[in-house]
């Protein structure tokens, strides 16, 4: 998850998912799985499928690069209105 700009809360989480080759899924499946397992305010406002999750030199997810790649991303209108 990374944070993206939100009109009311300044920032809200979105879930980035890299599927295994040949796999298919819908974002709603991930949100349904998380519902009730994490706090409501932690729930991502959107699920974005990416080709790869970049790793930094230490093997950790490179969130800085992910944020750069998502420059200009806007939350779906209904997600922003829900909060």
PDB file of N, CA and C in Angstrom:
ATOM      1  N   UNK A   1       0.835  -1.176   0.000  1.00  0.00           N
ATOM      2  CA  UNK A   1       0.000   0.000   0.000  1.00  0.00           C
ATOM      3  C   UNK A   1       0.876   1.233   0.000  1.00  0.00           C
ATOM      4  N   UNK A   2       0.379   2.248  -0.678  1.00  0.00           N
ATOM      5  CA  UNK A   2       1.009   3.565  -0.619  1.00  0.00           C
ATOM      6  C   UNK A   2      -0.089   4.596  -0.454  1.00  0.00           C
ATOM      7  N   UNK A   3       0.293   5.771  -0.009  1.00  0.00           N
ATOM      8  CA  UNK A   3      -0.666   6.853   0.148  1.00  0.00           C
ATOM      9  C   UNK A   3      -0.723   7.714  -1.106  1.00  0.00           C
ATOM     10  N   UNK A   4      -1.938   8.152  -1.444  1.00  0.00           N
ATOM     11  CA  UNK A   4      -2.127   9.068  -2.573  1.00  0.00           C
ATOM     12  C   UNK A   4      -2.947  10.257  -2.091  1.00  0.00           C
ATOM     13  N   UNK A   5      -2.855  11.328  -2.828  1.00  0.00           N
ATOM     14  CA  UNK A   5      -3.543  12.561  -2.466  1.00  0.00           C
ATOM     15  C   UNK A   5      -5.051  12.360  -2.408  1.00  0.00           C
ATOM     16  N   UNK A   6      -5.661  12.920  -1.359  1.00  0.00           N
ATOM     17  CA  UNK A   6      -7.110  12.853  -1.165  1.00  0.00           C
ATOM     18  C   UNK A   6      -7.599  14.271  -0.877  1.00  0.00           C
ATOM     19  N   UNK A   7      -8.727  14.675  -1.468  1.00  0.00           N
ATOM     20  CA  UNK A   7      -9.182  16.057  -1.301  1.00  0.00           C
ATOM     21  C   UNK A   7      -9.554  16.427   0.140  1.00  0.00           C
ATOM     22  N   UNK A   8     -10.036  15.488   0.916  1.00  0.00           N
ATOM     23  CA  UNK A   8     -10.462  15.802   2.278  1.00  0.00           C
ATOM     24  C   UNK A   8      -9.411  15.430   3.318  1.00  0.00           C
ATOM     25  N   UNK A   9      -8.811  14.257   3.178  1.00  0.00           N
ATOM     26  CA  UNK A   9      -7.918  13.727   4.200  1.00  0.00           C
ATOM     27  C   UNK A   9      -6.437  13.903   3.880  1.00  0.00           C
ATOM     28  N   UNK A  10      -6.121  14.658   2.859  1.00  0.00           N
ATOM     29  CA  UNK A  10      -4.751  14.877   2.395  1.00  0.00           C
ATOM     30  C   UNK A  10      -4.158  13.628   1.751  1.00  0.00           C
ATOM     31  N   UNK A  11      -4.319  12.468   2.395  1.00  0.00           N
ATOM     32  CA  UNK A  11      -3.755  11.237   1.849  1.00  0.00           C
ATOM     33  C   UNK A  11      -4.594  10.042   2.287  1.00  0.00           C
ATOM     34  N   UNK A  12      -4.767   9.103   1.368  1.00  0.00           N
ATOM     35  CA  UNK A  12      -5.489   7.856   1.652  1.00  0.00           C
ATOM     36  C   UNK A  12      -4.716   6.707   1.010  1.00  0.00           C
ATOM     37  N   UNK A  13      -4.851   5.483   1.569  1.00  0.00           N
ATOM     38  CA  UNK A  13      -4.110   4.350   1.013  1.00  0.00           C
ATOM     39  C   UNK A  13      -4.765   3.752  -0.239  1.00  0.00           C
ATOM     40  N   UNK A  14      -3.898   3.279  -1.136  1.00  0.00           N
ATOM     41  CA  UNK A  14      -4.344   2.429  -2.240  1.00  0.00           C
ATOM     42  C   UNK A  14      -3.496   1.162  -2.182  1.00  0.00           C
ATOM     43  N   UNK A  15      -4.070   0.068  -2.625  1.00  0.00           N
ATOM     44  CA  UNK A  15      -3.388  -1.216  -2.631  1.00  0.00           C
ATOM     45  C   UNK A  15      -2.841  -1.475  -4.024  1.00  0.00           C
ATOM     46  N   UNK A  16      -1.553  -1.749  -4.108  1.00  0.00           N
ATOM     47  CA  UNK A  16      -0.917  -2.098  -5.382  1.00  0.00           C
ATOM     48  C   UNK A  16      -0.729  -3.608  -5.414  1.00  0.00           C
ATOM     49  N   UNK A  17      -1.144  -4.228  -6.510  1.00  0.00           N
ATOM     50  CA  UNK A  17      -1.116  -5.683  -6.618  1.00  0.00           C
ATOM     51  C   UNK A  17      -0.393  -6.094  -7.892  1.00  0.00           C
ATOM     52  N   UNK A  18       0.548  -7.013  -7.737  1.00  0.00           N
ATOM     53  CA  UNK A  18       1.211  -7.633  -8.882  1.00  0.00           C
ATOM     54  C   UNK A  18       0.741  -9.075  -8.921  1.00  0.00           C
ATOM     55  N   UNK A  19       0.014  -9.423  -9.967  1.00  0.00           N
ATOM     56  CA  UNK A  19      -0.497 -10.782 -10.103  1.00  0.00           C
ATOM     57  C   UNK A  19       0.581 -11.699 -10.685  1.00  0.00           C
ATOM     58  N   UNK A  20       0.497 -12.967 -10.333  1.00  0.00           N
ATOM     59  CA  UNK A  20       1.393 -13.961 -10.927  1.00  0.00           C
ATOM     60  C   UNK A  20       1.018 -14.123 -12.398  1.00  0.00           C
ATOM     61  N   UNK A  21       1.969 -14.506 -13.242  1.00  0.00           N
ATOM     62  CA  UNK A  21       1.670 -14.695 -14.668  1.00  0.00           C
ATOM     63  C   UNK A  21       0.499 -15.670 -14.866  1.00  0.00           C
ATOM     64  N   UNK A  22      -0.436 -15.259 -15.703  1.00  0.00           N
ATOM     65  CA  UNK A  22      -1.585 -16.097 -16.012  1.00  0.00           C
ATOM     66  C   UNK A  22      -2.742 -15.965 -15.039  1.00  0.00           C
ATOM     67  N   UNK A  23      -2.540 -15.268 -13.926  1.00  0.00           N
ATOM     68  CA  UNK A  23      -3.603 -15.090 -12.930  1.00  0.00           C
ATOM     69  C   UNK A  23      -4.467 -13.892 -13.284  1.00  0.00           C
ATOM     70  N   UNK A  24      -5.725 -13.949 -12.862  1.00  0.00           N
ATOM     71  CA  UNK A  24      -6.647 -12.837 -13.049  1.00  0.00           C
ATOM     72  C   UNK A  24      -7.365 -12.588 -11.736  1.00  0.00           C
ATOM     73  N   UNK A  25      -7.699 -11.340 -11.488  1.00  0.00           N
ATOM     74  CA  UNK A  25      -8.427 -10.982 -10.274  1.00  0.00           C
ATOM     75  C   UNK A  25      -9.076  -9.628 -10.471  1.00  0.00           C
ATOM     76  N   UNK A  26     -10.016  -9.341  -9.602  1.00  0.00           N
ATOM     77  CA  UNK A  26     -10.663  -8.035  -9.582  1.00  0.00           C
ATOM     78  C   UNK A  26     -10.328  -7.370  -8.262  1.00  0.00           C
ATOM     79  N   UNK A  27     -10.214  -6.064  -8.294  1.00  0.00           N
ATOM     80  CA  UNK A  27      -9.881  -5.323  -7.088  1.00  0.00           C
ATOM     81  C   UNK A  27     -10.834  -5.569  -5.944  1.00  0.00           C
ATOM     82  N   UNK A  28     -12.093  -5.767  -6.252  1.00  0.00           N
ATOM     83  CA  UNK A  28     -13.114  -5.984  -5.230  1.00  0.00           C
ATOM     84  C   UNK A  28     -12.784  -7.220  -4.393  1.00  0.00           C
ATOM     85  N   UNK A  29     -12.180  -8.241  -4.981  1.00  0.00           N
ATOM     86  CA  UNK A  29     -11.821  -9.456  -4.241  1.00  0.00           C
ATOM     87  C   UNK A  29     -10.867  -9.137  -3.090  1.00  0.00           C
ATOM     88  N   UNK A  30      -9.899  -8.272  -3.345  1.00  0.00           N
ATOM     89  CA  UNK A  30      -8.937  -7.902  -2.311  1.00  0.00           C
ATOM     90  C   UNK A  30      -9.596  -7.076  -1.217  1.00  0.00           C
ATOM     91  N   UNK A  31     -10.467  -6.156  -1.624  1.00  0.00           N
ATOM     92  CA  UNK A  31     -11.156  -5.331  -0.638  1.00  0.00           C
ATOM     93  C   UNK A  31     -12.096  -6.177   0.225  1.00  0.00           C
ATOM     94  N   UNK A  32     -12.778  -7.127  -0.395  1.00  0.00           N
ATOM     95  CA  UNK A  32     -13.655  -8.021   0.372  1.00  0.00           C
ATOM     96  C   UNK A  32     -12.857  -8.847   1.374  1.00  0.00           C
ATOM     97  N   UNK A  33     -11.672  -9.299   0.976  1.00  0.00           N
ATOM     98  CA  UNK A  33     -10.828 -10.080   1.870  1.00  0.00           C
ATOM     99  C   UNK A  33     -10.404  -9.254   3.086  1.00  0.00           C
ATOM    100  N   UNK A  34     -10.054  -8.000   2.852  1.00  0.00           N
ATOM    101  CA  UNK A  34      -9.578  -7.142   3.937  1.00  0.00           C
ATOM    102  C   UNK A  34     -10.695  -6.649   4.855  1.00  0.00           C
ATOM    103  N   UNK A  35     -11.923  -6.606   4.333  1.00  0.00           N
ATOM    104  CA  UNK A  35     -13.056  -6.086   5.110  1.00  0.00           C
ATOM    105  C   UNK A  35     -13.248  -6.887   6.396  1.00  0.00           C
ATOM    106  N   UNK A  36     -13.195  -6.197   7.513  1.00  0.00           N
ATOM    107  CA  UNK A  36     -13.359  -6.843   8.807  1.00  0.00           C
ATOM    108  C   UNK A  36     -12.064  -7.373   9.398  1.00  0.00           C
ATOM    109  N   UNK A  37     -10.998  -7.393   8.614  1.00  0.00           N
ATOM    110  CA  UNK A  37      -9.701  -7.882   9.106  1.00  0.00           C
ATOM    111  C   UNK A  37      -8.773  -6.740   9.505  1.00  0.00           C
ATOM    112  N   UNK A  38      -9.054  -5.569   8.980  1.00  0.00           N
ATOM    113  CA  UNK A  38      -8.262  -4.392   9.341  1.00  0.00           C
ATOM    114  C   UNK A  38      -9.225  -3.269   9.707  1.00  0.00           C
ATOM    115  N   UNK A  39      -8.705  -2.255  10.364  1.00  0.00           N
ATOM    116  CA  UNK A  39      -9.543  -1.111  10.756  1.00  0.00           C
ATOM    117  C   UNK A  39     -10.135  -0.445   9.518  1.00  0.00           C
ATOM    118  N   UNK A  40     -11.350   0.093   9.648  1.00  0.00           N
ATOM    119  CA  UNK A  40     -12.025   0.718   8.516  1.00  0.00           C
ATOM    120  C   UNK A  40     -11.203   1.844   7.900  1.00  0.00           C
ATOM    121  N   UNK A  41     -10.527   2.637   8.716  1.00  0.00           N
ATOM    122  CA  UNK A  41      -9.766   3.760   8.181  1.00  0.00           C
ATOM    123  C   UNK A  41      -8.479   3.311   7.500  1.00  0.00           C
ATOM    124  N   UNK A  42      -8.110   2.045   7.653  1.00  0.00           N
ATOM    125  CA  UNK A  42      -6.954   1.487   6.946  1.00  0.00           C
ATOM    126  C   UNK A  42      -7.330   0.941   5.571  1.00  0.00           C
ATOM    127  N   UNK A  43      -8.624   0.734   5.332  1.00  0.00           N
ATOM    128  CA  UNK A  43      -9.062   0.134   4.071  1.00  0.00           C
ATOM    129  C   UNK A  43      -8.617   0.991   2.892  1.00  0.00           C
ATOM    130  N   UNK A  44      -7.994   0.358   1.898  1.00  0.00           N
ATOM    131  CA  UNK A  44      -7.583   1.124   0.721  1.00  0.00           C
ATOM    132  C   UNK A  44      -8.795   1.658  -0.035  1.00  0.00           C
ATOM    133  N   UNK A  45      -8.628   2.816  -0.631  1.00  0.00           N
ATOM    134  CA  UNK A  45      -9.703   3.423  -1.417  1.00  0.00           C
ATOM    135  C   UNK A  45      -9.737   2.895  -2.848  1.00  0.00           C
ATOM    136  N   UNK A  46      -8.682   2.213  -3.257  1.00  0.00           N
ATOM    137  CA  UNK A  46      -8.641   1.667  -4.608  1.00  0.00           C
ATOM    138  C   UNK A  46      -7.612   0.544  -4.664  1.00  0.00           C
ATOM    139  N   UNK A  47      -7.766  -0.315  -5.656  1.00  0.00           N
ATOM    140  CA  UNK A  47      -6.789  -1.375  -5.927  1.00  0.00           C
ATOM    141  C   UNK A  47      -6.251  -1.123  -7.326  1.00  0.00           C
ATOM    142  N   UNK A  48      -4.928  -1.032  -7.423  1.00  0.00           N
ATOM    143  CA  UNK A  48      -4.277  -0.755  -8.708  1.00  0.00           C
ATOM    144  C   UNK A  48      -3.386  -1.955  -9.040  1.00  0.00           C
ATOM    145  N   UNK A  49      -3.594  -2.516 -10.217  1.00  0.00           N
ATOM    146  CA  UNK A  49      -2.776  -3.646 -10.666  1.00  0.00           C
ATOM    147  C   UNK A  49      -1.555  -3.098 -11.403  1.00  0.00           C
ATOM    148  N   UNK A  50      -0.384  -3.592 -11.036  1.00  0.00           N
ATOM    149  CA  UNK A  50       0.871  -3.142 -11.644  1.00  0.00           C
ATOM    150  C   UNK A  50       1.606  -4.335 -12.239  1.00  0.00           C
ATOM    151  N   UNK A  51       2.460  -4.056 -13.215  1.00  0.00           N
ATOM    152  CA  UNK A  51       3.235  -5.117 -13.861  1.00  0.00           C
ATOM    153  C   UNK A  51       4.322  -5.657 -12.942  1.00  0.00           C
ATOM    154  N   UNK A  52       4.888  -4.760 -12.131  1.00  0.00           N
ATOM    155  CA  UNK A  52       5.935  -5.190 -11.207  1.00  0.00           C
ATOM    156  C   UNK A  52       5.940  -4.301  -9.973  1.00  0.00           C
ATOM    157  N   UNK A  53       6.385  -4.862  -8.873  1.00  0.00           N
ATOM    158  CA  UNK A  53       6.613  -4.124  -7.641  1.00  0.00           C
ATOM    159  C   UNK A  53       8.137  -3.981  -7.535  1.00  0.00           C
ATOM    160  N   UNK A  54       8.651  -2.766  -7.747  1.00  0.00           N
ATOM    161  CA  UNK A  54      10.112  -2.602  -7.745  1.00  0.00           C
ATOM    162  C   UNK A  54      10.702  -2.747  -6.346  1.00  0.00           C
ATOM    163  N   UNK A  55      11.881  -3.349  -6.297  1.00  0.00           N
ATOM    164  CA  UNK A  55      12.593  -3.515  -5.039  1.00  0.00           C
ATOM    165  C   UNK A  55      13.837  -2.640  -5.058  1.00  0.00           C
ATOM    166  N   UNK A  56      14.158  -2.107  -3.893  1.00  0.00           N
ATOM    167  CA  UNK A  56      15.368  -1.306  -3.754  1.00  0.00           C
ATOM    168  C   UNK A  56      16.577  -2.194  -3.544  1.00  0.00           C
ATOM    169  N   UNK A  57      17.736  -1.603  -3.338  1.00  0.00           N
ATOM    170  CA  UNK A  57      18.977  -2.369  -3.170  1.00  0.00           C
ATOM    171  C   UNK A  57      18.975  -3.304  -1.953  1.00  0.00           C
ATOM    172  N   UNK A  58      18.161  -2.975  -0.950  1.00  0.00           N
ATOM    173  CA  UNK A  58      18.119  -3.817   0.247  1.00  0.00           C
ATOM    174  C   UNK A  58      17.052  -4.907   0.162  1.00  0.00           C
ATOM    175  N   UNK A  59      16.305  -4.943  -0.957  1.00  0.00           N
ATOM    176  CA  UNK A  59      15.272  -5.952  -1.128  1.00  0.00           C
ATOM    177  C   UNK A  59      13.904  -5.522  -0.637  1.00  0.00           C
ATOM    178  N   UNK A  60      13.803  -4.299  -0.145  1.00  0.00           N
ATOM    179  CA  UNK A  60      12.511  -3.775   0.313  1.00  0.00           C
ATOM    180  C   UNK A  60      11.780  -3.144  -0.866  1.00  0.00           C
ATOM    181  N   UNK A  61      10.458  -3.049  -0.750  1.00  0.00           N
ATOM    182  CA  UNK A  61       9.659  -2.413  -1.797  1.00  0.00           C
ATOM    183  C   UNK A  61      10.063  -0.950  -1.913  1.00  0.00           C
ATOM    184  N   UNK A  62      10.306  -0.514  -3.136  1.00  0.00           N
ATOM    185  CA  UNK A  62      10.724   0.863  -3.397  1.00  0.00           C
ATOM    186  C   UNK A  62       9.480   1.741  -3.562  1.00  0.00           C
ATOM    187  N   UNK A  63       8.939   2.209  -2.432  1.00  0.00           N
ATOM    188  CA  UNK A  63       7.720   3.016  -2.460  1.00  0.00           C
ATOM    189  C   UNK A  63       7.946   4.366  -3.128  1.00  0.00           C
ATOM    190  N   UNK A  64       9.139   4.883  -3.032  1.00  0.00           N
ATOM    191  CA  UNK A  64       9.447   6.161  -3.674  1.00  0.00           C
ATOM    192  C   UNK A  64       9.268   6.036  -5.189  1.00  0.00           C
ATOM    193  N   UNK A  65       9.777   4.957  -5.762  1.00  0.00           N
ATOM    194  CA  UNK A  65       9.644   4.728  -7.206  1.00  0.00           C
ATOM    195  C   UNK A  65       8.176   4.476  -7.574  1.00  0.00           C
ATOM    196  N   UNK A  66       7.457   3.734  -6.738  1.00  0.00           N
ATOM    197  CA  UNK A  66       6.037   3.504  -7.005  1.00  0.00           C
ATOM    198  C   UNK A  66       5.259   4.819  -7.027  1.00  0.00           C
ATOM    199  N   UNK A  67       5.557   5.702  -6.080  1.00  0.00           N
ATOM    200  CA  UNK A  67       4.877   7.004  -6.050  1.00  0.00           C
ATOM    201  C   UNK A  67       5.201   7.807  -7.307  1.00  0.00           C
ATOM    202  N   UNK A  68       6.454   7.741  -7.760  1.00  0.00           N
ATOM    203  CA  UNK A  68       6.832   8.452  -8.987  1.00  0.00           C
ATOM    204  C   UNK A  68       6.055   7.910 -10.182  1.00  0.00           C
ATOM    205  N   UNK A  69       5.924   6.591 -10.247  1.00  0.00           N
ATOM    206  CA  UNK A  69       5.202   5.969 -11.373  1.00  0.00           C
ATOM    207  C   UNK A  69       3.721   6.325 -11.359  1.00  0.00           C
ATOM    208  N   UNK A  70       3.185   6.613 -10.190  1.00  0.00           N
ATOM    209  CA  UNK A  70       1.761   6.933 -10.074  1.00  0.00           C
ATOM    210  C   UNK A  70       1.511   8.438 -10.006  1.00  0.00           C
ATOM    211  N   UNK A  71       2.492   9.227 -10.405  1.00  0.00           N
ATOM    212  CA  UNK A  71       2.299  10.674 -10.441  1.00  0.00           C
ATOM    213  C   UNK A  71       1.108  10.993 -11.332  1.00  0.00           C
ATOM    214  N   UNK A  72       0.212  11.808 -10.834  1.00  0.00           N
ATOM    215  CA  UNK A  72      -0.975  12.165 -11.600  1.00  0.00           C
ATOM    216  C   UNK A  72      -2.156  11.237 -11.364  1.00  0.00           C
ATOM    217  N   UNK A  73      -1.951  10.150 -10.607  1.00  0.00           N
ATOM    218  CA  UNK A  73      -3.049   9.226 -10.304  1.00  0.00           C
ATOM    219  C   UNK A  73      -4.089   9.952  -9.458  1.00  0.00           C
ATOM    220  N   UNK A  74      -5.345   9.749  -9.751  1.00  0.00           N
ATOM    221  CA  UNK A  74      -6.439  10.322  -8.968  1.00  0.00           C
ATOM    222  C   UNK A  74      -7.346   9.201  -8.513  1.00  0.00           C
ATOM    223  N   UNK A  75      -7.766   9.274  -7.265  1.00  0.00           N
ATOM    224  CA  UNK A  75      -8.690   8.267  -6.749  1.00  0.00           C
ATOM    225  C   UNK A  75      -9.978   8.285  -7.557  1.00  0.00           C
ATOM    226  N   UNK A  76     -10.617   7.125  -7.706  1.00  0.00           N
ATOM    227  CA  UNK A  76     -11.928   7.118  -8.357  1.00  0.00           C
ATOM    228  C   UNK A  76     -12.881   8.039  -7.610  1.00  0.00           C
ATOM    229  N   UNK A  77     -13.751   8.699  -8.308  1.00  0.00           N
ATOM    230  CA  UNK A  77     -14.648   9.676  -7.704  1.00  0.00           C
ATOM    231  C   UNK A  77     -15.429   9.111  -6.538  1.00  0.00           C
ATOM    232  N   UNK A  78     -15.988   7.911  -6.676  1.00  0.00           N
ATOM    233  CA  UNK A  78     -16.811   7.344  -5.606  1.00  0.00           C
ATOM    234  C   UNK A  78     -15.992   7.046  -4.362  1.00  0.00           C
ATOM    235  N   UNK A  79     -14.725   6.658  -4.506  1.00  0.00           N
ATOM    236  CA  UNK A  79     -13.875   6.382  -3.348  1.00  0.00           C
ATOM    237  C   UNK A  79     -13.607   7.664  -2.578  1.00  0.00           C
ATOM    238  N   UNK A  80     -13.334   8.758  -3.299  1.00  0.00           N
ATOM    239  CA  UNK A  80     -13.067  10.020  -2.629  1.00  0.00           C
ATOM    240  C   UNK A  80     -14.324  10.548  -1.936  1.00  0.00           C
ATOM    241  N   UNK A  81     -15.478  10.291  -2.517  1.00  0.00           N
ATOM    242  CA  UNK A  81     -16.733  10.775  -1.939  1.00  0.00           C
ATOM    243  C   UNK A  81     -17.133   9.976  -0.697  1.00  0.00           C
ATOM    244  N   UNK A  82     -16.713   8.714  -0.622  1.00  0.00           N
ATOM    245  CA  UNK A  82     -17.088   7.859   0.517  1.00  0.00           C
ATOM    246  C   UNK A  82     -16.499   8.370   1.816  1.00  0.00           C
ATOM    247  N   UNK A  83     -15.369   8.975   1.776  1.00  0.00           N
ATOM    248  CA  UNK A  83     -14.641   9.334   2.991  1.00  0.00           C
ATOM    249  C   UNK A  83     -14.873  10.768   3.360  1.00  0.00           C
TER     250      UNK A  83
END
